[in-house]
Amino acid sequence: MNSLLEELLRKAPVVLDGAIGTELQARGLEPGECPDAWNLSHPDAVEAVARAYVEAGSDIILTNTFRSNRVALAGHGLADKVVALTRAGVLVVSSDDL
């Protein structure tokens, strides 16, 4: 297991809910719009959410990939984009600039 994660778990339970969708809505994501699609269409906004969590002191940053699976993305006509959306969601929060 990763030493940072082990250290965090020794201190207290780790509870995660990045509220990525809520944060993206504050940046213009419309109700019913696919948040995961923003990994490709609005990567700067997705990175801004991650950056805000880092600046607030977060040790763990979640990716914007909550619904990045073929079933959920099919409802938005994006089932064929699952790999691209997931890859972009990981890359945007693994930037050295965060």
Protein backbone atom coordinates (compact mmCIF):
# COMPACT_ATOMS: atom_id res chain seq x y z
CA MET A 1 0.00 0.00 0.00
CA ASN A 2 1.13 3.56 -0.65
CA SER A 3 2.93 5.04 2.38
CA LEU A 4 0.91 8.29 2.27
CA LEU A 5 -2.35 6.36 2.30
CA GLU A 6 -1.07 4.17 5.14
CA GLU A 7 -0.15 7.29 7.11
CA LEU A 8 -3.57 8.84 6.52
CA LEU A 9 -5.35 5.66 7.58
CA ARG A 10 -3.30 5.45 10.79
CA LYS A 11 -4.44 8.95 11.80
CA ALA A 12 -8.18 8.52 11.27
CA PRO A 13 -10.76 7.16 8.86
CA VAL A 14 -10.42 8.64 5.40
CA VAL A 15 -13.74 9.80 3.98
CA LEU A 16 -13.78 10.93 0.37
CA ASP A 17 -16.33 12.91 -1.57
CA GLY A 18 -14.73 15.46 -3.79
CA ALA A 19 -18.03 17.05 -4.84
CA ILE A 20 -16.49 17.35 -8.29
CA GLY A 21 -19.90 17.67 -9.99
CA THR A 22 -20.98 20.44 -7.63
CA GLU A 23 -17.73 22.30 -8.21
CA LEU A 24 -18.08 21.94 -11.98
CA GLN A 25 -21.65 23.23 -11.78
CA ALA A 26 -20.26 26.33 -10.08
CA ARG A 27 -18.02 26.69 -13.14
CA GLY A 28 -20.84 26.31 -15.67
CA LEU A 29 -21.75 22.61 -15.94
CA GLU A 30 -25.45 22.51 -16.79
CA PRO A 31 -27.92 20.19 -15.00
CA GLY A 32 -28.07 16.89 -16.89
CA GLU A 33 -24.78 17.55 -18.68
CA CYS A 34 -22.18 14.80 -18.38
CA PRO A 35 -19.45 15.94 -15.93
CA ASP A 36 -17.00 13.36 -17.27
CA ALA A 37 -17.22 14.92 -20.75
CA TRP A 38 -15.65 18.04 -19.28
CA ASN A 39 -12.36 16.14 -18.99
CA LEU A 40 -12.04 16.70 -22.76
CA SER A 41 -14.20 19.78 -23.37
CA HIS A 42 -13.23 21.87 -20.31
CA PRO A 43 -9.96 20.45 -18.92
CA ASP A 44 -8.99 23.83 -17.45
CA ALA A 45 -12.14 23.87 -15.30
CA VAL A 46 -11.54 20.29 -14.13
CA GLU A 47 -7.93 21.14 -13.27
CA ALA A 48 -9.12 24.28 -11.43
CA VAL A 49 -11.27 22.10 -9.16
CA ALA A 50 -8.31 19.83 -8.38
CA ARG A 51 -6.06 22.84 -7.82
CA ALA A 52 -8.59 24.36 -5.39
CA TYR A 53 -8.52 21.18 -3.30
CA VAL A 54 -4.71 21.14 -3.28
CA GLU A 55 -4.62 24.80 -2.26
CA ALA A 56 -7.10 24.03 0.53
CA GLY A 57 -4.68 21.41 1.88
CA SER A 58 -6.10 18.15 0.52
CA ASP A 59 -3.75 15.19 0.51
CA ILE A 60 -6.00 13.16 -1.80
CA ILE A 61 -7.45 14.47 -5.06
CA LEU A 62 -10.25 12.60 -6.79
CA THR A 63 -10.53 12.29 -10.55
CA ASN A 64 -13.56 13.49 -12.49
CA THR A 65 -14.36 9.93 -13.54
CA PHE A 66 -17.26 8.99 -11.27
CA ARG A 67 -19.48 7.95 -14.19
CA SER A 68 -16.76 7.05 -16.68
CA ASN A 69 -18.14 3.67 -17.65
CA ARG A 70 -19.87 2.48 -20.81
CA VAL A 71 -23.31 2.15 -19.20
CA ALA A 72 -23.44 5.64 -17.68
CA LEU A 73 -21.79 7.33 -20.67
CA ALA A 74 -24.19 5.61 -23.10
CA GLY A 75 -26.97 7.83 -21.73
CA HIS A 76 -25.03 10.81 -23.06
CA GLY A 77 -24.04 9.15 -26.36
CA LEU A 78 -20.45 8.85 -25.12
CA ALA A 79 -20.01 5.09 -24.55
CA ASP A 80 -17.31 5.00 -27.21
CA LYS A 81 -15.34 7.70 -25.34
CA VAL A 82 -14.90 5.84 -22.03
CA VAL A 83 -11.14 5.35 -22.46
CA ALA A 84 -10.48 8.91 -23.66
CA LEU A 85 -12.61 10.48 -20.91
CA THR A 86 -11.06 8.34 -18.17
CA ARG A 87 -7.52 8.95 -19.40
CA ALA A 88 -8.14 12.70 -19.60
CA GLY A 89 -9.71 12.70 -16.13
CA VAL A 90 -6.62 11.09 -14.64
CA LEU A 91 -4.13 13.21 -16.58
CA VAL A 92 -5.73 16.51 -15.65
CA VAL A 93 -5.33 15.84 -11.90
CA SER A 94 -1.88 14.27 -12.16
CA SER A 95 -0.32 17.40 -13.56
CA ASP A 96 2.98 18.48 -12.02
CA ASP A 97 1.47 21.97 -11.84
CA LEU A 98 -0.98 21.02 -9.05
